[in-house]
N, C-alpha and C. Protein backbone atom coordinates (compact mmCIF):
# COMPACT_ATOMS: atom_id res chain seq x y z
N MET A 1 144.13 256.11 86.34
CA MET A 1 143.04 256.92 86.36
C MET A 1 143.30 258.29 86.53
N THR A 2 142.95 259.20 85.69
CA THR A 2 143.40 260.51 85.80
C THR A 2 142.28 261.50 86.21
N ASP A 3 141.10 260.99 85.84
CA ASP A 3 139.91 261.75 86.31
C ASP A 3 139.04 260.74 87.00
N TYR A 4 138.32 261.12 87.94
CA TYR A 4 137.41 260.21 88.57
C TYR A 4 136.06 260.77 88.99
N LEU A 5 135.03 259.99 89.11
CA LEU A 5 133.64 260.42 89.40
C LEU A 5 133.72 261.05 90.90
N TRP A 6 134.30 260.18 91.87
CA TRP A 6 134.38 260.67 93.28
C TRP A 6 135.75 259.98 93.92
N ARG A 7 136.06 260.60 95.02
CA ARG A 7 137.20 260.07 95.92
C ARG A 7 136.91 260.01 97.18
N SER A 8 137.24 259.15 97.92
CA SER A 8 137.00 259.03 99.33
C SER A 8 138.19 258.16 99.85
N TYR A 9 137.96 257.55 101.16
CA TYR A 9 138.95 256.72 101.84
C TYR A 9 138.20 255.80 102.84
N TRP A 10 138.87 254.72 103.11
CA TRP A 10 138.21 253.80 104.24
C TRP A 10 139.14 253.79 105.37
N TYR A 11 138.59 253.89 106.63
CA TYR A 11 139.42 253.85 107.74
C TYR A 11 138.71 252.96 108.72
N ASN A 12 139.42 251.84 109.11
CA ASN A 12 138.84 250.82 110.08
C ASN A 12 137.46 250.31 109.48
N ALA A 13 137.45 250.08 108.14
CA ALA A 13 136.24 249.46 107.37
C ALA A 13 136.22 247.99 107.69
N THR A 14 135.03 247.60 107.71
CA THR A 14 134.62 246.15 107.88
C THR A 14 133.96 245.44 106.76
N GLU A 15 133.86 244.21 106.65
CA GLU A 15 133.26 243.48 105.67
C GLU A 15 131.71 243.99 105.70
N GLY A 16 131.16 244.09 104.55
CA GLY A 16 129.86 244.52 104.56
C GLY A 16 129.58 246.06 104.29
N MET A 17 130.70 246.68 104.64
CA MET A 17 130.50 248.26 104.45
C MET A 17 130.29 248.70 102.94
N GLU A 18 129.49 249.68 102.79
CA GLU A 18 128.97 249.99 101.30
C GLU A 18 129.52 251.34 101.14
N SER A 19 129.88 251.69 99.87
CA SER A 19 130.24 253.09 99.40
C SER A 19 128.94 253.88 99.14
N ARG A 20 129.24 255.08 98.73
CA ARG A 20 128.01 255.87 98.22
C ARG A 20 127.46 255.32 96.88
N TYR A 21 126.40 255.82 96.56
CA TYR A 21 125.83 255.50 95.17
C TYR A 21 126.20 256.40 94.08
N TRP A 22 126.18 255.95 92.80
CA TRP A 22 126.43 256.90 91.76
C TRP A 22 125.57 256.36 90.43
N GLU A 23 125.43 257.18 89.57
CA GLU A 23 124.78 256.82 88.32
C GLU A 23 125.73 256.36 87.31
N ASP A 24 125.57 255.28 86.55
CA ASP A 24 126.52 254.76 85.66
C ASP A 24 125.79 254.19 84.51
N SER A 25 126.64 254.10 83.48
CA SER A 25 126.28 253.15 82.31
C SER A 25 127.47 252.86 81.63
N GLN A 26 127.57 251.60 81.21
CA GLN A 26 128.60 250.86 80.47
C GLN A 26 129.77 250.43 81.12
N PHE A 27 130.47 251.34 81.92
CA PHE A 27 131.70 251.02 82.48
C PHE A 27 131.94 251.72 83.97
N THR A 28 132.56 250.99 84.81
CA THR A 28 132.95 251.34 86.11
C THR A 28 134.42 250.87 86.59
N GLU A 29 135.20 251.75 87.06
CA GLU A 29 136.42 251.31 87.60
C GLU A 29 136.55 251.84 89.00
N ILE A 30 137.02 250.84 89.79
CA ILE A 30 137.38 251.24 91.24
C ILE A 30 138.76 251.00 91.43
N MET A 31 139.35 252.03 92.19
CA MET A 31 140.77 251.81 92.50
C MET A 31 141.05 252.08 93.99
N TYR A 32 141.96 251.24 94.64
CA TYR A 32 142.21 251.36 96.01
C TYR A 32 143.80 251.67 95.83
N VAL A 33 144.23 252.77 96.69
CA VAL A 33 145.71 253.19 96.79
C VAL A 33 146.06 253.24 98.23
N THR A 34 147.17 252.32 98.47
CA THR A 34 147.77 252.15 99.83
C THR A 34 146.79 251.43 100.83
N CYS A 35 146.66 250.15 100.77
CA CYS A 35 145.90 249.48 101.59
C CYS A 35 146.66 248.89 102.79
N SER A 36 145.92 248.72 103.90
CA SER A 36 146.56 247.97 105.00
C SER A 36 145.47 247.22 105.83
N SER A 37 145.69 246.09 106.38
CA SER A 37 144.83 245.48 107.32
C SER A 37 145.70 244.44 108.21
N SER A 38 145.24 243.76 109.23
CA SER A 38 146.06 243.04 110.06
C SER A 38 146.75 241.80 109.29
N SER A 39 146.16 241.39 108.12
CA SER A 39 146.67 240.25 107.40
C SER A 39 147.50 240.84 106.25
N ASN A 40 147.20 242.04 105.77
CA ASN A 40 147.95 242.64 104.68
C ASN A 40 148.12 241.83 103.44
N THR A 41 146.96 241.14 103.07
CA THR A 41 146.97 240.19 101.88
C THR A 41 146.18 240.65 100.71
N SER A 42 144.86 240.69 101.00
CA SER A 42 143.95 240.93 99.93
C SER A 42 142.54 241.43 100.52
N THR A 43 141.82 242.06 99.72
CA THR A 43 140.43 242.27 99.86
C THR A 43 139.49 242.34 98.61
N ASP A 44 138.21 241.82 98.77
CA ASP A 44 137.37 241.77 97.76
C ASP A 44 136.45 242.80 97.61
N VAL A 45 136.20 243.41 96.40
CA VAL A 45 135.27 244.54 96.21
C VAL A 45 134.16 243.84 95.29
N GLU A 46 132.79 244.22 95.86
CA GLU A 46 131.76 243.60 94.98
C GLU A 46 130.90 244.84 94.51
N LEU A 47 130.65 244.93 93.32
CA LEU A 47 129.78 245.99 92.63
C LEU A 47 128.38 245.54 92.62
N TRP A 48 127.51 246.38 93.02
CA TRP A 48 126.08 246.16 93.00
C TRP A 48 125.25 247.05 92.23
N LYS A 49 124.21 246.72 91.62
CA LYS A 49 123.24 247.57 90.88
C LYS A 49 121.95 247.60 91.71
N GLU A 50 121.61 248.84 92.03
CA GLU A 50 120.47 249.07 92.77
C GLU A 50 119.25 248.69 92.20
N ILE A 51 118.39 247.97 92.80
CA ILE A 51 117.03 247.60 92.23
C ILE A 51 115.93 248.04 93.31
N ASN A 52 115.15 248.93 92.95
CA ASN A 52 114.04 249.36 93.91
C ASN A 52 113.06 248.26 94.33
N ASN A 53 112.83 248.08 95.49
CA ASN A 53 111.87 247.34 95.90
C ASN A 53 112.17 245.82 95.65
N TRP A 54 113.42 245.46 95.57
CA TRP A 54 113.80 244.15 95.12
C TRP A 54 115.18 243.98 95.61
N PRO A 55 115.81 242.80 95.70
CA PRO A 55 117.16 242.71 96.27
C PRO A 55 118.06 243.19 95.16
N ASP A 56 119.03 243.96 95.51
CA ASP A 56 120.08 244.45 94.42
C ASP A 56 120.86 243.37 93.82
N GLU A 57 121.21 243.64 92.54
CA GLU A 57 121.95 242.71 91.70
C GLU A 57 123.48 242.80 91.72
N SER A 58 123.99 241.75 92.09
CA SER A 58 125.57 241.75 92.12
C SER A 58 126.01 241.78 90.60
N ARG A 59 126.99 242.52 90.39
CA ARG A 59 127.70 242.66 88.97
C ARG A 59 129.03 241.90 89.18
N GLY A 60 129.41 241.26 90.30
CA GLY A 60 130.68 240.41 90.25
C GLY A 60 131.61 241.12 91.29
N ASP A 61 132.61 240.47 91.70
CA ASP A 61 133.70 241.03 92.48
C ASP A 61 135.02 240.95 92.02
N ARG A 62 135.92 241.78 92.57
CA ARG A 62 137.31 241.66 92.22
C ARG A 62 138.20 241.72 93.41
N ARG A 63 139.24 240.86 93.36
CA ARG A 63 140.13 240.83 94.42
C ARG A 63 141.32 241.74 94.24
N PHE A 64 141.60 242.54 95.14
CA PHE A 64 142.62 243.54 95.27
C PHE A 64 143.75 243.08 96.16
N THR A 65 144.84 242.93 95.65
CA THR A 65 146.02 242.57 96.35
C THR A 65 147.28 243.55 96.32
N ALA A 66 147.48 244.22 95.07
CA ALA A 66 148.73 244.94 94.91
C ALA A 66 148.63 246.22 95.75
N CYS A 67 147.47 246.66 96.16
CA CYS A 67 147.42 247.83 97.04
C CYS A 67 148.08 247.73 98.32
N PHE A 68 148.29 246.40 98.79
CA PHE A 68 148.94 246.04 100.10
C PHE A 68 150.42 246.05 99.91
N ASN A 69 150.98 246.36 98.85
CA ASN A 69 152.61 246.34 98.46
C ASN A 69 153.33 247.57 98.99
N GLY A 70 152.70 248.44 99.67
CA GLY A 70 153.37 249.63 100.11
C GLY A 70 152.77 250.87 99.72
N TYR A 71 153.43 252.10 100.18
CA TYR A 71 152.84 253.40 99.92
C TYR A 71 152.78 253.57 98.59
N MET A 72 151.50 254.11 98.09
CA MET A 72 151.13 254.49 96.80
C MET A 72 151.01 253.41 95.79
N SER A 73 150.99 252.08 96.28
CA SER A 73 150.69 250.93 95.47
C SER A 73 149.09 250.99 95.16
N HIS A 74 148.75 250.35 94.08
CA HIS A 74 147.27 250.45 94.00
C HIS A 74 146.80 249.28 93.29
N SER A 75 145.50 248.93 93.35
CA SER A 75 144.81 247.89 92.79
C SER A 75 143.65 248.49 92.19
N ASP A 76 143.17 247.87 91.03
CA ASP A 76 141.93 248.34 90.43
C ASP A 76 141.14 247.27 89.84
N GLY A 77 139.88 247.50 89.72
CA GLY A 77 138.98 246.55 89.18
C GLY A 77 137.93 247.44 88.05
N GLU A 78 137.71 246.63 86.99
CA GLU A 78 136.84 247.07 86.09
C GLU A 78 135.68 246.28 85.75
N TRP A 79 134.44 247.01 85.50
CA TRP A 79 133.33 246.23 85.16
C TRP A 79 132.86 246.89 83.92
N HIS A 80 132.51 246.00 82.85
CA HIS A 80 132.12 246.55 81.59
C HIS A 80 130.64 246.22 81.26
N ASP A 81 130.17 246.75 80.27
CA ASP A 81 128.75 246.50 79.77
C ASP A 81 127.68 246.57 80.78
N LEU A 82 127.78 247.54 81.67
CA LEU A 82 126.73 247.75 82.55
C LEU A 82 125.56 248.61 82.06
N PRO A 83 124.35 248.24 82.44
CA PRO A 83 123.08 248.90 82.14
C PRO A 83 123.10 250.19 82.86
N SER A 84 122.39 251.13 82.33
CA SER A 84 122.26 252.51 83.02
C SER A 84 121.48 252.33 84.35
N ASP A 85 122.05 252.64 85.35
CA ASP A 85 121.41 252.52 86.67
C ASP A 85 122.23 253.28 87.81
N LYS A 86 121.93 253.06 89.08
CA LYS A 86 122.57 253.33 90.14
C LYS A 86 123.37 252.29 90.71
N TYR A 87 124.59 252.48 91.16
CA TYR A 87 125.53 251.48 91.43
C TYR A 87 126.04 251.82 92.70
N TYR A 88 126.66 250.86 93.55
CA TYR A 88 127.46 251.02 94.65
C TYR A 88 128.40 249.77 94.83
N PHE A 89 129.40 249.95 95.66
CA PHE A 89 130.21 248.70 95.98
C PHE A 89 130.26 248.40 97.54
N GLU A 90 130.60 247.24 97.78
CA GLU A 90 130.72 246.85 99.21
C GLU A 90 132.19 246.01 99.34
N ILE A 91 132.68 246.16 100.44
CA ILE A 91 133.72 245.41 100.93
C ILE A 91 133.19 243.91 101.35
N SER A 92 133.38 242.96 100.24
CA SER A 92 132.78 241.86 100.56
C SER A 92 133.71 240.72 101.24
N ASP A 93 135.01 240.93 101.31
CA ASP A 93 135.91 240.12 102.10
C ASP A 93 137.20 240.82 102.41
N ILE A 94 137.75 240.77 103.64
CA ILE A 94 139.01 241.21 103.93
C ILE A 94 139.88 240.00 104.52
N ALA A 95 140.60 239.42 103.58
CA ALA A 95 141.20 238.03 103.81
C ALA A 95 141.89 238.02 105.29
N GLY A 96 141.28 237.33 106.33
CA GLY A 96 141.88 237.02 107.52
C GLY A 96 141.85 238.27 108.38
N SER A 97 141.23 239.31 108.13
CA SER A 97 141.34 240.54 109.04
C SER A 97 140.03 241.01 109.44
N SER A 98 139.87 241.65 110.41
CA SER A 98 138.48 242.41 110.84
C SER A 98 138.47 243.73 110.37
N TRP A 99 139.44 244.35 109.77
CA TRP A 99 139.42 245.85 109.53
C TRP A 99 140.34 246.00 108.25
N LEU A 100 140.07 247.16 107.48
CA LEU A 100 140.66 247.56 106.31
C LEU A 100 140.90 249.07 106.34
N ASP A 101 142.05 249.53 105.98
CA ASP A 101 142.33 250.92 105.75
C ASP A 101 142.70 251.09 104.35
N VAL A 102 142.20 252.10 103.75
CA VAL A 102 142.57 252.49 102.35
C VAL A 102 142.67 254.00 102.08
N ASP A 103 143.85 254.49 101.79
CA ASP A 103 144.22 255.88 101.84
C ASP A 103 143.44 256.44 100.77
N ASP A 104 143.22 255.96 99.52
CA ASP A 104 142.44 256.65 98.46
C ASP A 104 141.59 255.60 97.84
N VAL A 105 140.19 255.77 97.78
CA VAL A 105 139.20 255.05 97.12
C VAL A 105 138.73 256.03 95.86
N LEU A 106 139.06 255.63 94.69
CA LEU A 106 138.57 256.26 93.66
C LEU A 106 137.71 255.57 92.69
N VAL A 107 136.53 256.21 92.21
CA VAL A 107 135.52 255.57 91.38
C VAL A 107 135.43 256.50 90.16
N ASP A 108 135.56 255.77 89.02
CA ASP A 108 135.53 256.39 87.63
C ASP A 108 134.57 255.73 86.79
N ASN A 109 133.73 256.41 86.03
CA ASN A 109 132.93 255.81 84.99
C ASN A 109 133.05 256.29 83.63
N THR A 110 134.28 256.54 83.34
CA THR A 110 134.71 256.98 82.06
C THR A 110 135.62 256.12 81.40
N LEU A 111 135.41 255.21 80.44
CA LEU A 111 136.39 254.39 79.90
C LEU A 111 137.49 254.95 79.18
N ALA A 112 137.32 256.21 78.85
CA ALA A 112 138.41 256.92 78.09
C ALA A 112 139.78 257.17 78.82
N ASP A 113 139.73 257.16 80.21
CA ASP A 113 141.02 257.33 80.93
C ASP A 113 141.61 255.97 81.00
């Protein structure tokens, strides 16, 4: 991913923590770079579509494992065919751990990169 919509990080994040919201259509990619937790095995990222005055709609989750392989290692998940709307993601699972650190969290909504 060379360009991204926004960039952040997680420090001492827990299951259920949510990202900021963004406008999107068609495509989203989420990348984690350099992950650590007490178990150092995997984390699940779930993408949600915001629905006003109704429960939000899950667009599925992706399991990230490669980002735990050391400095600058990364995992990424892609979601395709998204309707135009507001989206966010949450940490839906941290395998066997109560916390998660991620040095870089990148979100991209451009399929071209």
